[in-house]
Amino acid sequence: MKQTIIPFLLLLCSLAVQSYAQQQSSDEAAIKQVIQSAYIDGIQNGGSSEVIRSGFHPSFNMLRFTDNDIKPYAIEDWIAAIEKRKKENATVPPPAVGNFVSVDITGTAAVVKLELFRENKKTFTDYLVLYKFTDGWKIVSKTFYRHPN
C-alpha cells in the first residue's frame, strides 16, 4: 500500500507545483501587459486616457518624495496634466522604454521594479504596486527615483 501512496503523493505535489508556476507565469505576463499599455505607452508616451484608466485603479496615488515630505498625486490629476499638455501642444519628450527589473507576486498582490529609459538614458526607477481584481491586475500605487540627467 505504501508503495502506491508515495508515488501518488509525489505526483500530486508535482502537479500542484506545476499549476502554481503556470499561474505565476500567467500573472506576470498580465502584469507586464498592464504596465506596458497603461503606464509606459499611456502615461509615459502620451497614450489615450481610456487606455491609462483601464490599467490604473481609480484610487491610485503616486507618492512623490519632495522637500523631505510625501506628496500624493491621484491618477485623475495625472491624466488631466497629460491632457493639458496635449492641448497646449507641449514639446513631446523622446519615447520611454521600460526594463522590467523584477516582478514579485504573492497571491493577489504584486510589486514591480521598472527602469525607464529615454534616448538610452535611465530617467526613472519606478516601484509599482498592483492588486488583482476580478477584472484583472490594476496599478494602485507608485513611488520612484528620478535619476540625475
N, C-alpha and C. Protein backbone atom coordinates (compact mmCIF):
# COMPACT_ATOMS: atom_id res chain seq x y z
N MET A 1 0.82 -1.20 0.00
CA MET A 1 0.00 0.00 0.00
C MET A 1 0.86 1.26 0.00
N LYS A 2 1.92 1.27 0.87
CA LYS A 2 2.80 2.44 0.93
C LYS A 2 3.49 2.69 -0.40
N GLN A 3 3.76 1.61 -1.14
CA GLN A 3 4.44 1.74 -2.42
C GLN A 3 3.55 2.47 -3.43
N THR A 4 2.27 2.42 -3.30
CA THR A 4 1.37 3.12 -4.21
C THR A 4 1.07 4.54 -3.74
N ILE A 5 1.01 4.74 -2.45
CA ILE A 5 0.66 6.06 -1.91
C ILE A 5 1.78 7.07 -2.13
N ILE A 6 3.00 6.69 -1.88
CA ILE A 6 4.12 7.64 -2.00
C ILE A 6 4.25 8.18 -3.43
N PRO A 7 4.28 7.34 -4.47
CA PRO A 7 4.34 7.90 -5.83
C PRO A 7 3.13 8.78 -6.14
N PHE A 8 1.96 8.37 -5.66
CA PHE A 8 0.75 9.16 -5.89
C PHE A 8 0.86 10.54 -5.24
N LEU A 9 1.35 10.59 -4.00
CA LEU A 9 1.54 11.87 -3.30
C LEU A 9 2.58 12.73 -4.00
N LEU A 10 3.64 12.11 -4.47
CA LEU A 10 4.66 12.84 -5.22
C LEU A 10 4.09 13.43 -6.51
N LEU A 11 3.26 12.67 -7.17
CA LEU A 11 2.60 13.15 -8.39
C LEU A 11 1.69 14.34 -8.08
N LEU A 12 0.91 14.23 -7.01
CA LEU A 12 0.03 15.35 -6.62
C LEU A 12 0.84 16.60 -6.30
N CYS A 13 1.92 16.44 -5.56
CA CYS A 13 2.78 17.59 -5.23
C CYS A 13 3.37 18.21 -6.48
N SER A 14 3.82 17.37 -7.39
CA SER A 14 4.40 17.85 -8.64
C SER A 14 3.37 18.63 -9.45
N LEU A 15 2.16 18.12 -9.53
CA LEU A 15 1.10 18.82 -10.27
C LEU A 15 0.75 20.15 -9.61
N ALA A 16 0.72 20.18 -8.30
CA ALA A 16 0.42 21.43 -7.58
C ALA A 16 1.49 22.48 -7.84
N VAL A 17 2.75 22.07 -7.80
CA VAL A 17 3.85 23.00 -8.06
C VAL A 17 3.80 23.50 -9.49
N GLN A 18 3.52 22.60 -10.42
CA GLN A 18 3.44 22.98 -11.83
C GLN A 18 2.28 23.96 -12.06
N SER A 19 1.15 23.71 -11.45
CA SER A 19 -0.01 24.60 -11.58
C SER A 19 0.30 25.98 -11.01
N TYR A 20 0.95 26.02 -9.86
CA TYR A 20 1.33 27.29 -9.23
C TYR A 20 2.29 28.06 -10.13
N ALA A 21 3.27 27.37 -10.71
CA ALA A 21 4.25 28.03 -11.59
C ALA A 21 3.57 28.59 -12.83
N GLN A 22 2.61 27.84 -13.38
CA GLN A 22 1.88 28.33 -14.56
C GLN A 22 1.06 29.56 -14.21
N GLN A 23 0.42 29.57 -13.04
CA GLN A 23 -0.37 30.72 -12.62
C GLN A 23 0.54 31.94 -12.42
N GLN A 24 1.69 31.75 -11.79
CA GLN A 24 2.65 32.84 -11.59
C GLN A 24 3.09 33.42 -12.93
N SER A 25 3.39 32.54 -13.89
CA SER A 25 3.83 32.97 -15.21
C SER A 25 2.73 33.75 -15.92
N SER A 26 1.51 33.27 -15.82
CA SER A 26 0.35 33.94 -16.42
C SER A 26 0.12 35.31 -15.77
N ASP A 27 0.20 35.37 -14.45
CA ASP A 27 0.03 36.64 -13.74
C ASP A 27 1.14 37.62 -14.11
N GLU A 28 2.37 37.13 -14.18
CA GLU A 28 3.49 38.02 -14.53
C GLU A 28 3.29 38.61 -15.92
N ALA A 29 2.87 37.80 -16.88
CA ALA A 29 2.61 38.31 -18.23
C ALA A 29 1.50 39.36 -18.22
N ALA A 30 0.44 39.10 -17.45
CA ALA A 30 -0.68 40.05 -17.37
C ALA A 30 -0.24 41.37 -16.72
N ILE A 31 0.58 41.27 -15.69
CA ILE A 31 1.09 42.47 -15.01
C ILE A 31 1.95 43.29 -15.95
N LYS A 32 2.85 42.64 -16.66
CA LYS A 32 3.72 43.35 -17.61
C LYS A 32 2.89 44.01 -18.71
N GLN A 33 1.84 43.35 -19.16
CA GLN A 33 0.98 43.92 -20.20
C GLN A 33 0.27 45.18 -19.69
N VAL A 34 -0.26 45.13 -18.48
CA VAL A 34 -0.93 46.30 -17.90
C VAL A 34 0.05 47.47 -17.78
N ILE A 35 1.23 47.19 -17.29
CA ILE A 35 2.23 48.25 -17.11
C ILE A 35 2.67 48.81 -18.47
N GLN A 36 2.88 47.92 -19.44
CA GLN A 36 3.30 48.38 -20.76
C GLN A 36 2.24 49.28 -21.39
N SER A 37 0.98 48.83 -21.38
CA SER A 37 -0.06 49.59 -22.08
C SER A 37 -0.49 50.84 -21.32
N ALA A 38 -0.83 50.70 -20.04
CA ALA A 38 -1.39 51.83 -19.29
C ALA A 38 -0.32 52.80 -18.81
N TYR A 39 0.82 52.29 -18.39
CA TYR A 39 1.83 53.16 -17.80
C TYR A 39 2.88 53.63 -18.82
N ILE A 40 3.54 52.69 -19.50
CA ILE A 40 4.61 53.09 -20.43
C ILE A 40 4.01 53.74 -21.68
N ASP A 41 3.13 52.99 -22.37
CA ASP A 41 2.52 53.55 -23.59
C ASP A 41 1.54 54.67 -23.27
N GLY A 42 0.80 54.52 -22.17
CA GLY A 42 -0.22 55.50 -21.81
C GLY A 42 0.35 56.75 -21.15
N ILE A 43 0.78 56.62 -19.92
CA ILE A 43 1.28 57.77 -19.15
C ILE A 43 2.56 58.34 -19.76
N GLN A 44 3.56 57.50 -19.93
CA GLN A 44 4.88 57.99 -20.33
C GLN A 44 4.97 58.40 -21.80
N ASN A 45 4.19 57.75 -22.66
CA ASN A 45 4.30 58.03 -24.09
C ASN A 45 3.04 58.64 -24.70
N GLY A 46 2.22 59.27 -23.85
CA GLY A 46 1.10 60.06 -24.34
C GLY A 46 -0.05 59.28 -24.94
N GLY A 47 -0.33 58.09 -24.42
CA GLY A 47 -1.45 57.30 -24.91
C GLY A 47 -2.79 57.87 -24.49
N SER A 48 -3.84 57.18 -24.86
CA SER A 48 -5.19 57.68 -24.58
C SER A 48 -5.55 57.55 -23.11
N SER A 49 -6.42 58.44 -22.67
CA SER A 49 -6.90 58.42 -21.29
C SER A 49 -7.63 57.12 -20.97
N GLU A 50 -8.35 56.58 -21.95
CA GLU A 50 -9.08 55.34 -21.74
C GLU A 50 -8.13 54.18 -21.45
N VAL A 51 -7.04 54.11 -22.21
CA VAL A 51 -6.06 53.05 -22.00
C VAL A 51 -5.40 53.21 -20.63
N ILE A 52 -5.10 54.45 -20.27
CA ILE A 52 -4.50 54.71 -18.95
C ILE A 52 -5.45 54.24 -17.86
N ARG A 53 -6.70 54.69 -17.93
CA ARG A 53 -7.68 54.34 -16.89
C ARG A 53 -7.91 52.83 -16.80
N SER A 54 -7.77 52.13 -17.91
CA SER A 54 -8.02 50.68 -17.89
C SER A 54 -6.98 49.92 -17.05
N GLY A 55 -5.79 50.50 -16.85
CA GLY A 55 -4.76 49.81 -16.10
C GLY A 55 -4.52 50.34 -14.70
N PHE A 56 -5.15 51.45 -14.36
CA PHE A 56 -4.97 52.06 -13.04
C PHE A 56 -6.27 51.96 -12.25
N HIS A 57 -6.16 51.64 -10.98
CA HIS A 57 -7.33 51.65 -10.11
C HIS A 57 -7.70 53.11 -9.83
N PRO A 58 -9.00 53.45 -9.75
CA PRO A 58 -9.40 54.84 -9.52
C PRO A 58 -8.80 55.46 -8.25
N SER A 59 -8.46 54.66 -7.27
CA SER A 59 -7.89 55.21 -6.03
C SER A 59 -6.36 55.31 -6.08
N PHE A 60 -5.76 55.05 -7.25
CA PHE A 60 -4.31 55.13 -7.41
C PHE A 60 -3.77 56.46 -6.91
N ASN A 61 -2.63 56.40 -6.26
CA ASN A 61 -1.86 57.58 -5.90
C ASN A 61 -0.38 57.31 -6.14
N MET A 62 0.26 58.28 -6.79
CA MET A 62 1.71 58.25 -6.87
C MET A 62 2.20 58.99 -5.62
N LEU A 63 3.16 58.42 -4.95
CA LEU A 63 3.71 59.05 -3.75
C LEU A 63 5.03 59.69 -4.12
N ARG A 64 5.04 61.03 -4.17
CA ARG A 64 6.24 61.78 -4.56
C ARG A 64 6.96 62.27 -3.31
N PHE A 65 8.24 62.04 -3.27
CA PHE A 65 9.09 62.47 -2.16
C PHE A 65 9.67 63.83 -2.55
N THR A 66 9.13 64.89 -1.94
CA THR A 66 9.52 66.25 -2.28
C THR A 66 9.73 67.05 -0.99
N ASP A 67 10.84 67.75 -0.91
CA ASP A 67 11.14 68.58 0.26
C ASP A 67 11.00 67.81 1.57
N ASN A 68 11.54 66.61 1.58
CA ASN A 68 11.52 65.75 2.75
C ASN A 68 10.11 65.44 3.24
N ASP A 69 9.18 65.38 2.30
CA ASP A 69 7.79 65.09 2.62
C ASP A 69 7.20 64.23 1.50
N ILE A 70 6.07 63.61 1.77
CA ILE A 70 5.37 62.81 0.78
C ILE A 70 4.18 63.61 0.26
N LYS A 71 4.11 63.71 -1.07
CA LYS A 71 3.00 64.42 -1.70
C LYS A 71 2.30 63.45 -2.66
N PRO A 72 1.04 63.09 -2.35
CA PRO A 72 0.32 62.17 -3.24
C PRO A 72 -0.14 62.87 -4.52
N TYR A 73 -0.26 62.08 -5.57
CA TYR A 73 -0.70 62.58 -6.87
C TYR A 73 -1.68 61.55 -7.42
N ALA A 74 -2.95 61.91 -7.49
CA ALA A 74 -4.02 60.99 -7.91
C ALA A 74 -3.97 60.76 -9.42
N ILE A 75 -4.48 59.63 -9.85
CA ILE A 75 -4.45 59.29 -11.27
C ILE A 75 -5.24 60.30 -12.11
N GLU A 76 -6.37 60.76 -11.64
CA GLU A 76 -7.15 61.73 -12.43
C GLU A 76 -6.41 63.06 -12.58
N ASP A 77 -5.65 63.46 -11.56
CA ASP A 77 -4.83 64.68 -11.68
C ASP A 77 -3.72 64.48 -12.70
N TRP A 78 -3.14 63.28 -12.70
CA TRP A 78 -2.07 62.97 -13.64
C TRP A 78 -2.60 62.96 -15.07
N ILE A 79 -3.75 62.33 -15.27
CA ILE A 79 -4.37 62.30 -16.61
C ILE A 79 -4.72 63.71 -17.06
N ALA A 80 -5.25 64.53 -16.16
CA ALA A 80 -5.60 65.91 -16.51
C ALA A 80 -4.35 66.70 -16.95
N ALA A 81 -3.23 66.48 -16.28
CA ALA A 81 -1.99 67.16 -16.65
C ALA A 81 -1.51 66.71 -18.03
N ILE A 82 -1.65 65.42 -18.32
CA ILE A 82 -1.26 64.90 -19.64
C ILE A 82 -2.15 65.50 -20.73
N GLU A 83 -3.46 65.52 -20.48
CA GLU A 83 -4.40 66.08 -21.45
C GLU A 83 -4.14 67.57 -21.68
N LYS A 84 -3.80 68.29 -20.63
CA LYS A 84 -3.49 69.72 -20.74
C LYS A 84 -2.26 69.93 -21.62
N ARG A 85 -1.22 69.12 -21.40
CA ARG A 85 0.00 69.24 -22.23
C ARG A 85 -0.31 68.94 -23.70
N LYS A 86 -1.18 67.97 -23.94
CA LYS A 86 -1.55 67.64 -25.32
C LYS A 86 -2.26 68.82 -25.98
N LYS A 87 -3.20 69.43 -25.25
CA LYS A 87 -3.96 70.56 -25.80
C LYS A 87 -3.07 71.77 -26.06
N GLU A 88 -2.07 71.94 -25.21
CA GLU A 88 -1.15 73.08 -25.37
C GLU A 88 -0.05 72.78 -26.38
N ASN A 89 -0.10 71.58 -26.98
CA ASN A 89 0.95 71.16 -27.91
C ASN A 89 2.34 71.30 -27.32
N ALA A 90 2.47 70.92 -26.08
CA ALA A 90 3.76 71.00 -25.40
C ALA A 90 4.76 70.07 -26.10
N THR A 91 6.02 70.36 -25.93
CA THR A 91 7.07 69.54 -26.52
C THR A 91 6.94 68.10 -26.03
N VAL A 92 6.94 67.20 -26.97
CA VAL A 92 6.80 65.78 -26.64
C VAL A 92 8.19 65.22 -26.33
N PRO A 93 8.35 64.61 -25.16
CA PRO A 93 9.66 64.03 -24.84
C PRO A 93 9.94 62.81 -25.71
N PRO A 94 11.20 62.43 -25.82
CA PRO A 94 11.51 61.21 -26.57
C PRO A 94 10.77 60.02 -25.96
N PRO A 95 10.51 59.00 -26.75
CA PRO A 95 9.76 57.84 -26.24
C PRO A 95 10.45 57.18 -25.05
N ALA A 96 9.64 56.73 -24.12
CA ALA A 96 10.16 55.99 -22.96
C ALA A 96 10.12 54.50 -23.27
N VAL A 97 11.16 53.82 -22.81
CA VAL A 97 11.26 52.37 -22.94
C VAL A 97 11.43 51.80 -21.55
N GLY A 98 10.68 50.76 -21.23
CA GLY A 98 10.75 50.17 -19.90
C GLY A 98 11.58 48.90 -19.86
N ASN A 99 12.27 48.72 -18.76
CA ASN A 99 13.01 47.49 -18.48
C ASN A 99 12.50 46.93 -17.16
N PHE A 100 11.85 45.76 -17.23
CA PHE A 100 11.32 45.13 -16.02
C PHE A 100 12.48 44.48 -15.27
N VAL A 101 12.83 45.04 -14.12
CA VAL A 101 13.92 44.52 -13.31
C VAL A 101 13.43 43.33 -12.49
N SER A 102 12.26 43.48 -11.87
CA SER A 102 11.70 42.39 -11.09
C SER A 102 10.19 42.51 -11.01
N VAL A 103 9.55 41.34 -10.89
CA VAL A 103 8.12 41.24 -10.68
C VAL A 103 7.93 40.25 -9.54
N ASP A 104 7.43 40.74 -8.43
CA ASP A 104 7.25 39.90 -7.23
C ASP A 104 5.76 39.77 -6.96
N ILE A 105 5.25 38.55 -7.05
CA ILE A 105 3.81 38.30 -6.91
C ILE A 105 3.57 37.39 -5.72
N THR A 106 2.63 37.79 -4.87
CA THR A 106 2.16 36.93 -3.78
C THR A 106 0.63 36.98 -3.81
N GLY A 107 0.04 35.90 -4.27
CA GLY A 107 -1.42 35.86 -4.34
C GLY A 107 -1.96 36.94 -5.25
N THR A 108 -2.74 37.86 -4.68
CA THR A 108 -3.36 38.93 -5.47
C THR A 108 -2.64 40.26 -5.33
N ALA A 109 -1.41 40.24 -4.82
CA ALA A 109 -0.61 41.46 -4.67
C ALA A 109 0.69 41.31 -5.46
N ALA A 110 1.17 42.43 -6.00
CA ALA A 110 2.42 42.39 -6.76
C ALA A 110 3.16 43.71 -6.62
N VAL A 111 4.48 43.63 -6.69
CA VAL A 111 5.35 44.81 -6.71
C VAL A 111 6.28 44.64 -7.90
N VAL A 112 6.40 45.69 -8.70
CA VAL A 112 7.25 45.66 -9.88
C VAL A 112 8.29 46.76 -9.78
N LYS A 113 9.54 46.39 -10.03
CA LYS A 113 10.61 47.38 -10.16
C LYS A 113 10.85 47.55 -11.65
N LEU A 114 10.73 48.78 -12.10
CA LEU A 114 10.80 49.10 -13.53
C LEU A 114 11.78 50.24 -13.74
N GLU A 115 12.66 50.09 -14.71
CA GLU A 115 13.55 51.19 -15.09
C GLU A 115 13.02 51.78 -16.39
N LEU A 116 12.97 53.12 -16.42
CA LEU A 116 12.53 53.81 -17.63
C LEU A 116 13.72 54.50 -18.27
N PHE A 117 13.81 54.36 -19.58
CA PHE A 117 14.90 54.98 -20.34
C PHE A 117 14.32 55.88 -21.41
N ARG A 118 14.97 57.01 -21.64
CA ARG A 118 14.68 57.89 -22.77
C ARG A 118 16.01 58.16 -23.45
N GLU A 119 16.05 57.90 -24.74
CA GLU A 119 17.29 58.05 -25.52
C GLU A 119 18.45 57.30 -24.85
N ASN A 120 18.20 56.08 -24.43
CA ASN A 120 19.19 55.20 -23.80
C ASN A 120 19.74 55.72 -22.48
N LYS A 121 19.09 56.71 -21.88
CA LYS A 121 19.50 57.21 -20.56
C LYS A 121 18.44 56.82 -19.55
N LYS A 122 18.90 56.25 -18.43
CA LYS A 122 17.96 55.87 -17.38
C LYS A 122 17.43 57.14 -16.74
N THR A 123 16.11 57.31 -16.80
CA THR A 123 15.49 58.51 -16.25
C THR A 123 14.81 58.26 -14.90
N PHE A 124 14.17 57.10 -14.78
CA PHE A 124 13.44 56.78 -13.55
C PHE A 124 13.64 55.32 -13.18
N THR A 125 13.63 55.06 -11.89
CA THR A 125 13.41 53.72 -11.37
C THR A 125 12.09 53.80 -10.62
N ASP A 126 11.12 53.03 -11.09
CA ASP A 126 9.77 53.05 -10.53
C ASP A 126 9.50 51.79 -9.74
N TYR A 127 8.72 51.94 -8.69
CA TYR A 127 8.22 50.82 -7.90
C TYR A 127 6.70 50.91 -7.97
N LEU A 128 6.12 49.98 -8.72
CA LEU A 128 4.68 49.98 -8.94
C LEU A 128 4.04 48.86 -8.12
N VAL A 129 2.95 49.18 -7.44
CA VAL A 129 2.21 48.20 -6.64
C VAL A 129 0.90 47.91 -7.36
N LEU A 130 0.58 46.63 -7.48
CA LEU A 130 -0.64 46.22 -8.16
C LEU A 130 -1.43 45.25 -7.29
N TYR A 131 -2.75 45.23 -7.51
CA TYR A 131 -3.62 44.22 -6.93
C TYR A 131 -4.37 43.56 -8.09
N LYS A 132 -4.73 42.30 -7.88
CA LYS A 132 -5.52 41.57 -8.86
C LYS A 132 -6.98 41.64 -8.46
N PHE A 133 -7.77 42.35 -9.25
CA PHE A 133 -9.21 42.50 -9.03
C PHE A 133 -9.94 41.47 -9.90
N THR A 134 -11.24 41.40 -9.77
CA THR A 134 -12.00 40.44 -10.58
C THR A 134 -11.83 40.71 -12.08
N ASP A 135 -11.57 41.98 -12.45
CA ASP A 135 -11.39 42.30 -13.86
C ASP A 135 -9.91 42.40 -14.25
N GLY A 136 -9.02 41.91 -13.39
CA GLY A 136 -7.60 41.86 -13.75
C GLY A 136 -6.72 42.71 -12.86
N TRP A 137 -5.44 42.74 -13.20
CA TRP A 137 -4.44 43.48 -12.43
C TRP A 137 -4.58 44.98 -12.68
N LYS A 138 -4.48 45.76 -11.61
CA LYS A 138 -4.55 47.22 -11.69
C LYS A 138 -3.40 47.82 -10.87
N ILE A 139 -2.84 48.89 -11.39
CA ILE A 139 -1.79 49.61 -10.68
C ILE A 139 -2.48 50.47 -9.62
N VAL A 140 -2.05 50.34 -8.36
CA VAL A 140 -2.72 51.05 -7.27
C VAL A 140 -1.82 52.11 -6.62
N SER A 141 -0.50 52.00 -6.85
CA SER A 141 0.41 52.96 -6.21
C SER A 141 1.74 52.97 -6.94
N LYS A 142 2.47 54.06 -6.77
CA LYS A 142 3.79 54.18 -7.38
C LYS A 142 4.66 55.07 -6.51
N THR A 143 5.91 54.65 -6.33
CA THR A 143 6.97 55.52 -5.83
C THR A 143 8.08 55.44 -6.86
N PHE A 144 9.01 56.38 -6.79
CA PHE A 144 10.03 56.40 -7.86
C PHE A 144 11.28 57.15 -7.39
N TYR A 145 12.32 56.96 -8.18
CA TYR A 145 13.54 57.74 -8.05
C TYR A 145 13.84 58.31 -9.42
N ARG A 146 14.04 59.63 -9.48
CA ARG A 146 14.41 60.29 -10.74
C ARG A 146 15.92 60.36 -10.80
N HIS A 147 16.49 59.75 -11.83
CA HIS A 147 17.94 59.74 -11.98
C HIS A 147 18.42 61.10 -12.49
N PRO A 148 19.56 61.58 -12.01
CA PRO A 148 20.09 62.86 -12.48
C PRO A 148 20.39 62.80 -13.98
N ASN A 149 20.20 63.91 -14.65
CA ASN A 149 20.48 63.96 -16.10
C ASN A 149 21.93 63.85 -16.37
